[in-house]
Amino acid sequence: MIRVLVVDDNPIVRDALRSHLDASGTVLVVGEAGDGRAALAAARRLRPHVTLLDYRMPVADGLSIVAELARITAVLALTSEDAGTVVSEMLRGGARGYLVHGEFDPAELVRAVTVVASGRSWLSPAAATVAAEALRRAQEAAEAGARADQRHREIRRRYGLTPREREVLDLVAEGLANVVIAERLRLTEKTVKNHLHAVFTKLGVRNRTEAVLRWTGRQ
């Protein structure tokens, strides 16, 4: 039997879930909780295989406890929230599955619990779409970052700046004034100005703004 803890602040929802799961013959609801704090206490005491976790609850909501709860039990988020940010945050927090009320029947609920208990993932169509989109954005960001890093390395090689000149220019790119750069690098302000003069010459620019644009590959 798969031992399940049901966490939802609505007792009517908890009763309906218990009825569906207990009727399956393969799942046993061993406890209930109506808020996040009670859920953690129940999980530590009962050690369920799977916890059905709502998102919006009093005292402590699902997002605030999902990471800690996931260290005790497999978490299947079961909520009416289908917003992309909510889905992504719950999955990043450690939820192994995500179901949205109104998008599943009792048979699918039991299948989802069974799959999650086995160590696999189960996502509703809405959650799967969000997860796929998040993965696509992360991949695009990684590829853009890699291209930017490569471009930046090429720029660094092209202009032949010394390590100290690169340090100074990186701090200029952060928006720091000469006096602050001098303090950060333990140099005199005059030395910083000398480094910048050499940087401007090597980069073929006239001022700090042009230097930063050239250095970051935006010019």
C-alpha atoms as a PDB file:
ATOM      1  CA  MET A   1       0.000   0.000   0.000  1.00  0.00           C
ATOM      2  CA  ILE A   2       1.185   3.505  -0.852  1.00  0.00           C
ATOM      3  CA  ARG A   3       0.916   5.675   2.241  1.00  0.00           C
ATOM      4  CA  VAL A   4      -0.359   9.182   1.489  1.00  0.00           C
ATOM      5  CA  LEU A   5      -0.669  12.396   3.484  1.00  0.00           C
ATOM      6  CA  VAL A   6      -3.315  14.835   2.224  1.00  0.00           C
ATOM      7  CA  VAL A   7      -2.581  18.534   2.809  1.00  0.00           C
ATOM      8  CA  ASP A   8      -5.272  21.087   1.956  1.00  0.00           C
ATOM      9  CA  ASP A   9      -6.950  23.808   3.987  1.00  0.00           C
ATOM     10  CA  ASN A  10     -10.393  22.813   2.674  1.00  0.00           C
ATOM     11  CA  PRO A  11     -11.824  19.840   4.634  1.00  0.00           C
ATOM     12  CA  ILE A  12     -14.278  19.071   1.816  1.00  0.00           C
ATOM     13  CA  VAL A  13     -11.372  18.692  -0.630  1.00  0.00           C
ATOM     14  CA  ARG A  14      -9.503  16.502   1.850  1.00  0.00           C
ATOM     15  CA  ASP A  15     -12.542  14.254   2.282  1.00  0.00           C
ATOM     16  CA  ALA A  16     -12.978  13.891  -1.492  1.00  0.00           C
ATOM     17  CA  LEU A  17      -9.317  13.030  -2.004  1.00  0.00           C
ATOM     18  CA  ARG A  18      -9.359  10.512   0.832  1.00  0.00           C
ATOM     19  CA  SER A  19     -12.454   8.868  -0.636  1.00  0.00           C
ATOM     20  CA  HIS A  20     -10.905   8.563  -4.127  1.00  0.00           C
ATOM     21  CA  LEU A  21      -7.585   7.226  -2.854  1.00  0.00           C
ATOM     22  CA  ASP A  22      -8.866   4.800  -0.236  1.00  0.00           C
ATOM     23  CA  ALA A  23     -11.251   3.329  -2.800  1.00  0.00           C
ATOM     24  CA  SER A  24      -8.357   2.380  -5.054  1.00  0.00           C
ATOM     25  CA  GLY A  25      -7.230  -0.560  -2.940  1.00  0.00           C
ATOM     26  CA  THR A  26      -3.575   0.362  -3.545  1.00  0.00           C
ATOM     27  CA  VAL A  27      -3.364   3.697  -1.733  1.00  0.00           C
ATOM     28  CA  LEU A  28      -3.967   4.375   1.954  1.00  0.00           C
ATOM     29  CA  VAL A  29      -4.447   7.900   3.323  1.00  0.00           C
ATOM     30  CA  VAL A  30      -2.604   7.845   6.630  1.00  0.00           C
ATOM     31  CA  GLY A  31      -3.157  11.455   7.630  1.00  0.00           C
ATOM     32  CA  GLU A  32      -4.414  14.932   6.818  1.00  0.00           C
ATOM     33  CA  ALA A  33      -3.284  18.493   7.487  1.00  0.00           C
ATOM     34  CA  GLY A  34      -4.872  21.882   6.897  1.00  0.00           C
ATOM     35  CA  ASP A  35      -1.821  24.122   6.860  1.00  0.00           C
ATOM     36  CA  GLY A  36       1.891  23.977   6.086  1.00  0.00           C
ATOM     37  CA  ARG A  37       3.134  23.788   9.639  1.00  0.00           C
ATOM     38  CA  ALA A  38       0.795  20.914  10.488  1.00  0.00           C
ATOM     39  CA  ALA A  39       1.818  19.220   7.241  1.00  0.00           C
ATOM     40  CA  LEU A  40       5.493  19.150   8.207  1.00  0.00           C
ATOM     41  CA  ALA A  41       4.688  17.798  11.658  1.00  0.00           C
ATOM     42  CA  ALA A  42       2.455  15.093  10.191  1.00  0.00           C
ATOM     43  CA  ALA A  43       5.023  14.133   7.565  1.00  0.00           C
ATOM     44  CA  ARG A  44       7.752  13.740  10.175  1.00  0.00           C
ATOM     45  CA  ARG A  45       5.465  11.623  12.342  1.00  0.00           C
ATOM     46  CA  LEU A  46       3.777   9.477   9.670  1.00  0.00           C
ATOM     47  CA  ARG A  47       6.542   9.192   7.047  1.00  0.00           C
ATOM     48  CA  PRO A  48       4.154   8.897   4.064  1.00  0.00           C
ATOM     49  CA  HIS A  49       5.411   7.738   0.686  1.00  0.00           C
ATOM     50  CA  VAL A  50       3.605  10.640  -1.020  1.00  0.00           C
ATOM     51  CA  THR A  51       2.178  13.946   0.197  1.00  0.00           C
ATOM     52  CA  LEU A  52      -0.536  15.724  -1.768  1.00  0.00           C
ATOM     53  CA  LEU A  53       0.265  19.401  -1.200  1.00  0.00           C
ATOM     54  CA  ASP A  54      -1.939  22.418  -1.823  1.00  0.00           C
ATOM     55  CA  TYR A  55      -0.344  25.745  -2.744  1.00  0.00           C
ATOM     56  CA  ARG A  56      -2.513  28.286  -0.902  1.00  0.00           C
ATOM     57  CA  MET A  57      -2.893  27.545   2.820  1.00  0.00           C
ATOM     58  CA  PRO A  58      -2.864  29.484   6.090  1.00  0.00           C
ATOM     59  CA  VAL A  59       0.061  29.582   8.554  1.00  0.00           C
ATOM     60  CA  ALA A  60       2.534  28.342   5.928  1.00  0.00           C
ATOM     61  CA  ASP A  61       1.686  27.883   2.245  1.00  0.00           C
ATOM     62  CA  GLY A  62       2.801  25.042   0.022  1.00  0.00           C
ATOM     63  CA  LEU A  63       5.688  26.913  -1.554  1.00  0.00           C
ATOM     64  CA  SER A  64       7.207  27.822   1.807  1.00  0.00           C
ATOM     65  CA  ILE A  65       7.398  24.180   2.928  1.00  0.00           C
ATOM     66  CA  VAL A  66       7.819  22.184  -0.290  1.00  0.00           C
ATOM     67  CA  ALA A  67      11.622  21.985  -0.103  1.00  0.00           C
ATOM     68  CA  GLU A  68      11.647  20.763   3.505  1.00  0.00           C
ATOM     69  CA  LEU A  69       8.721  18.438   2.871  1.00  0.00           C
ATOM     70  CA  ALA A  70      10.445  16.955  -0.190  1.00  0.00           C
ATOM     71  CA  ARG A  71      13.290  15.782   2.060  1.00  0.00           C
ATOM     72  CA  ILE A  72      10.810  13.645   3.975  1.00  0.00           C
ATOM     73  CA  THR A  73       8.369  12.437   1.326  1.00  0.00           C
ATOM     74  CA  ALA A  74       7.677  12.589  -2.392  1.00  0.00           C
ATOM     75  CA  VAL A  75       5.553  15.683  -3.025  1.00  0.00           C
ATOM     76  CA  LEU A  76       2.684  15.797  -5.501  1.00  0.00           C
ATOM     77  CA  ALA A  77       1.382  19.362  -5.749  1.00  0.00           C
ATOM     78  CA  LEU A  78      -2.357  19.286  -6.097  1.00  0.00           C
ATOM     79  CA  THR A  79      -3.870  22.754  -6.359  1.00  0.00           C
ATOM     80  CA  SER A  80      -6.158  25.001  -8.340  1.00  0.00           C
ATOM     81  CA  GLU A  81      -3.190  27.215  -9.287  1.00  0.00           C
ATOM     82  CA  ASP A  82      -1.972  26.760 -12.870  1.00  0.00           C
ATOM     83  CA  ALA A  83      -0.001  30.010 -13.255  1.00  0.00           C
ATOM     84  CA  GLY A  84       3.409  29.424 -14.765  1.00  0.00           C
ATOM     85  CA  THR A  85       5.297  31.037 -11.905  1.00  0.00           C
ATOM     86  CA  VAL A  86       3.535  28.883  -9.312  1.00  0.00           C
ATOM     87  CA  VAL A  87       4.151  25.673 -11.233  1.00  0.00           C
ATOM     88  CA  SER A  88       7.821  26.518 -11.799  1.00  0.00           C
ATOM     89  CA  GLU A  89       8.405  27.505  -8.165  1.00  0.00           C
ATOM     90  CA  MET A  90       6.804  24.354  -6.794  1.00  0.00           C
ATOM     91  CA  LEU A  91       8.768  22.115  -9.153  1.00  0.00           C
ATOM     92  CA  ARG A  92      12.033  23.929  -8.417  1.00  0.00           C
ATOM     93  CA  GLY A  93      11.233  23.629  -4.733  1.00  0.00           C
ATOM     94  CA  GLY A  94      11.176  19.851  -4.983  1.00  0.00           C
ATOM     95  CA  ALA A  95       7.676  18.770  -5.989  1.00  0.00           C
ATOM     96  CA  ARG A  96       7.884  15.588  -8.045  1.00  0.00           C
ATOM     97  CA  GLY A  97       4.494  16.045  -9.640  1.00  0.00           C
ATOM     98  CA  TYR A  98       1.825  18.661 -10.266  1.00  0.00           C
ATOM     99  CA  LEU A  99      -1.915  18.253 -10.748  1.00  0.00           C
ATOM    100  CA  VAL A 100      -4.500  20.987 -11.212  1.00  0.00           C
ATOM    101  CA  HIS A 101      -7.990  20.575  -9.751  1.00  0.00           C
ATOM    102  CA  GLY A 102     -10.539  20.051 -12.490  1.00  0.00           C
ATOM    103  CA  GLU A 103      -8.003  18.507 -14.886  1.00  0.00           C
ATOM    104  CA  PHE A 104      -7.982  14.950 -13.544  1.00  0.00           C
ATOM    105  CA  ASP A 105     -10.361  12.173 -12.532  1.00  0.00           C
ATOM    106  CA  PRO A 106     -10.001   9.714  -9.625  1.00  0.00           C
ATOM    107  CA  ALA A 107      -8.215   7.151 -11.798  1.00  0.00           C
ATOM    108  CA  GLU A 108      -5.610   9.684 -12.923  1.00  0.00           C
ATOM    109  CA  LEU A 109      -5.119  10.824  -9.338  1.00  0.00           C
ATOM    110  CA  VAL A 110      -4.291   7.277  -8.293  1.00  0.00           C
ATOM    111  CA  ARG A 111      -1.952   6.843 -11.264  1.00  0.00           C
ATOM    112  CA  ALA A 112      -0.191  10.094 -10.415  1.00  0.00           C
ATOM    113  CA  VAL A 113       0.305   9.032  -6.792  1.00  0.00           C
ATOM    114  CA  THR A 114       1.606   5.647  -7.917  1.00  0.00           C
ATOM    115  CA  VAL A 115       4.057   7.158 -10.398  1.00  0.00           C
ATOM    116  CA  VAL A 116       5.353   9.753  -7.953  1.00  0.00           C
ATOM    117  CA  ALA A 117       5.752   7.101  -5.242  1.00  0.00           C
ATOM    118  CA  SER A 118       7.968   5.132  -7.648  1.00  0.00           C
ATOM    119  CA  GLY A 119      10.367   8.065  -8.000  1.00  0.00           C
ATOM    120  CA  ARG A 120       9.131   9.339 -11.339  1.00  0.00           C
ATOM    121  CA  SER A 121       7.341  12.585 -12.247  1.00  0.00           C
ATOM    122  CA  TRP A 122       3.742  13.267 -13.151  1.00  0.00           C
ATOM    123  CA  LEU A 123       2.616  16.586 -14.605  1.00  0.00           C
ATOM    124  CA  SER A 124      -0.797  17.804 -15.662  1.00  0.00           C
ATOM    125  CA  PRO A 125      -0.944  19.170 -19.229  1.00  0.00           C
ATOM    126  CA  ALA A 126      -0.748  22.759 -17.953  1.00  0.00           C
ATOM    127  CA  ALA A 127       2.206  21.971 -15.702  1.00  0.00           C
ATOM    128  CA  ALA A 128       3.976  20.050 -18.469  1.00  0.00           C
ATOM    129  CA  THR A 129       3.637  23.050 -20.793  1.00  0.00           C
ATOM    130  CA  VAL A 130       5.080  25.365 -18.153  1.00  0.00           C
ATOM    131  CA  ALA A 131       7.959  22.978 -17.421  1.00  0.00           C
ATOM    132  CA  ALA A 132       8.796  22.651 -21.114  1.00  0.00           C
ATOM    133  CA  GLU A 133       8.713  26.429 -21.573  1.00  0.00           C
ATOM    134  CA  ALA A 134      10.958  26.950 -18.543  1.00  0.00           C
ATOM    135  CA  LEU A 135      13.424  24.417 -19.922  1.00  0.00           C
ATOM    136  CA  ARG A 136      13.409  26.138 -23.311  1.00  0.00           C
ATOM    137  CA  ARG A 137      14.053  29.545 -21.743  1.00  0.00           C
ATOM    138  CA  ALA A 138      16.848  28.157 -19.570  1.00  0.00           C
ATOM    139  CA  GLN A 139      18.489  26.558 -22.601  1.00  0.00           C
ATOM    140  CA  GLU A 140      18.215  29.766 -24.629  1.00  0.00           C
ATOM    141  CA  ALA A 141      19.681  31.774 -21.734  1.00  0.00           C
ATOM    142  CA  ALA A 142      22.561  29.312 -21.394  1.00  0.00           C
ATOM    143  CA  GLU A 143      23.293  29.456 -25.109  1.00  0.00           C
ATOM    144  CA  ALA A 144      23.137  33.276 -25.106  1.00  0.00           C
ATOM    145  CA  GLY A 145      25.440  33.367 -22.099  1.00  0.00           C
ATOM    146  CA  ALA A 146      27.917  31.049 -23.788  1.00  0.00           C
ATOM    147  CA  ARG A 147      27.918  33.202 -26.915  1.00  0.00           C
ATOM    148  CA  ALA A 148      28.450  36.329 -24.816  1.00  0.00           C
ATOM    149  CA  ASP A 149      31.312  34.697 -22.922  1.00  0.00           C
ATOM    150  CA  GLN A 150      32.973  33.635 -26.159  1.00  0.00           C
ATOM    151  CA  ARG A 151      32.582  37.127 -27.613  1.00  0.00           C
ATOM    152  CA  HIS A 152      33.989  38.654 -24.442  1.00  0.00           C
ATOM    153  CA  ARG A 153      37.015  36.325 -24.516  1.00  0.00           C
ATOM    154  CA  GLU A 154      37.685  37.273 -28.133  1.00  0.00           C
ATOM    155  CA  ILE A 155      37.513  40.967 -27.241  1.00  0.00           C
ATOM    156  CA  ARG A 156      39.926  40.461 -24.347  1.00  0.00           C
ATOM    157  CA  ARG A 157      42.443  38.687 -26.592  1.00  0.00           C
ATOM    158  CA  ARG A 158      42.112  41.243 -29.365  1.00  0.00           C
ATOM    159  CA  TYR A 159      43.061  44.331 -27.358  1.00  0.00           C
ATOM    160  CA  GLY A 160      45.871  42.863 -25.261  1.00  0.00           C
ATOM    161  CA  LEU A 161      44.989  44.501 -21.957  1.00  0.00           C
ATOM    162  CA  THR A 162      47.081  43.573 -18.943  1.00  0.00           C
ATOM    163  CA  PRO A 163      45.431  41.720 -16.047  1.00  0.00           C
ATOM    164  CA  ARG A 164      45.376  44.928 -13.988  1.00  0.00           C
ATOM    165  CA  GLU A 165      43.857  46.926 -16.856  1.00  0.00           C
ATOM    166  CA  ARG A 166      41.164  44.261 -17.200  1.00  0.00           C
ATOM    167  CA  GLU A 167      40.446  44.489 -13.462  1.00  0.00           C
ATOM    168  CA  VAL A 168      40.093  48.249 -13.653  1.00  0.00           C
ATOM    169  CA  LEU A 169      37.853  48.102 -16.729  1.00  0.00           C
ATOM    170  CA  ASP A 170      35.627  45.405 -15.211  1.00  0.00           C
ATOM    171  CA  LEU A 171      35.040  47.683 -12.229  1.00  0.00           C
ATOM    172  CA  VAL A 172      34.360  50.618 -14.510  1.00  0.00           C
ATOM    173  CA  ALA A 173      31.771  48.427 -16.243  1.00  0.00           C
ATOM    174  CA  GLU A 174      30.120  47.921 -12.839  1.00  0.00           C
ATOM    175  CA  GLY A 175      29.684  51.685 -12.648  1.00  0.00           C
ATOM    176  CA  LEU A 176      32.307  52.375  -9.978  1.00  0.00           C
ATOM    177  CA  ALA A 177      34.096  55.720  -9.757  1.00  0.00           C
ATOM    178  CA  ASN A 178      37.890  55.969  -9.895  1.00  0.00           C
ATOM    179  CA  VAL A 179      38.180  56.641  -6.176  1.00  0.00           C
ATOM    180  CA  VAL A 180      36.162  53.520  -5.369  1.00  0.00           C
ATOM    181  CA  ILE A 181      38.174  51.428  -7.831  1.00  0.00           C
ATOM    182  CA  ALA A 182      41.359  52.681  -6.207  1.00  0.00           C
ATOM    183  CA  GLU A 183      40.115  51.609  -2.778  1.00  0.00           C
ATOM    184  CA  ARG A 184      38.934  48.247  -4.081  1.00  0.00           C
ATOM    185  CA  LEU A 185      42.270  47.445  -5.764  1.00  0.00           C
ATOM    186  CA  ARG A 186      44.413  49.209  -3.172  1.00  0.00           C
ATOM    187  CA  LEU A 187      45.855  51.617  -5.714  1.00  0.00           C
ATOM    188  CA  THR A 188      46.172  55.373  -5.844  1.00  0.00           C
ATOM    189  CA  GLU A 189      43.531  57.211  -7.814  1.00  0.00           C
ATOM    190  CA  LYS A 190      46.291  58.493 -10.125  1.00  0.00           C
ATOM    191  CA  THR A 191      47.341  54.909 -10.892  1.00  0.00           C
ATOM    192  CA  VAL A 192      43.753  54.047 -11.775  1.00  0.00           C
ATOM    193  CA  LYS A 193      43.627  57.039 -14.137  1.00  0.00           C
ATOM    194  CA  ASN A 194      46.883  55.910 -15.749  1.00  0.00           C
ATOM    195  CA  HIS A 195      45.478  52.433 -16.295  1.00  0.00           C
ATOM    196  CA  LEU A 196      42.352  53.907 -17.845  1.00  0.00           C
ATOM    197  CA  HIS A 197      44.388  56.106 -20.169  1.00  0.00           C
ATOM    198  CA  ALA A 198      46.222  52.987 -21.376  1.00  0.00           C
ATOM    199  CA  VAL A 199      42.890  51.176 -21.766  1.00  0.00           C
ATOM    200  CA  PHE A 200      41.397  53.994 -23.848  1.00  0.00           C
ATOM    201  CA  THR A 201      44.446  53.937 -26.133  1.00  0.00           C
ATOM    202  CA  LYS A 202      44.383  50.162 -26.645  1.00  0.00           C
ATOM    203  CA  LEU A 203      40.646  50.058 -27.216  1.00  0.00           C
ATOM    204  CA  GLY A 204      40.691  53.108 -29.470  1.00  0.00           C
ATOM    205  CA  VAL A 205      38.011  54.930 -27.493  1.00  0.00           C
ATOM    206  CA  ARG A 206      37.663  58.412 -25.988  1.00  0.00           C
ATOM    207  CA  ASN A 207      35.875  57.896 -22.696  1.00  0.00           C
ATOM    208  CA  ARG A 208      34.584  55.445 -20.068  1.00  0.00           C
ATOM    209  CA  THR A 209      31.253  54.849 -21.776  1.00  0.00           C
ATOM    210  CA  GLU A 210      32.847  53.935 -25.092  1.00  0.00           C
ATOM    211  CA  ALA A 211      35.373  51.745 -23.271  1.00  0.00           C
ATOM    212  CA  VAL A 212      32.642  49.775 -21.488  1.00  0.00           C
ATOM    213  CA  LEU A 213      30.627  49.364 -24.702  1.00  0.00           C
ATOM    214  CA  ARG A 214      33.709  48.144 -26.577  1.00  0.00           C
ATOM    215  CA  TRP A 215      34.764  45.872 -23.701  1.00  0.00           C
ATOM    216  CA  THR A 216      31.355  44.245 -23.345  1.00  0.00           C
ATOM    217  CA  GLY A 217      30.984  43.753 -27.079  1.00  0.00           C
ATOM    218  CA  ARG A 218      28.133  46.209 -27.519  1.00  0.00           C
ATOM    219  CA  GLN A 219      30.092  48.446 -29.860  1.00  0.00           C
END
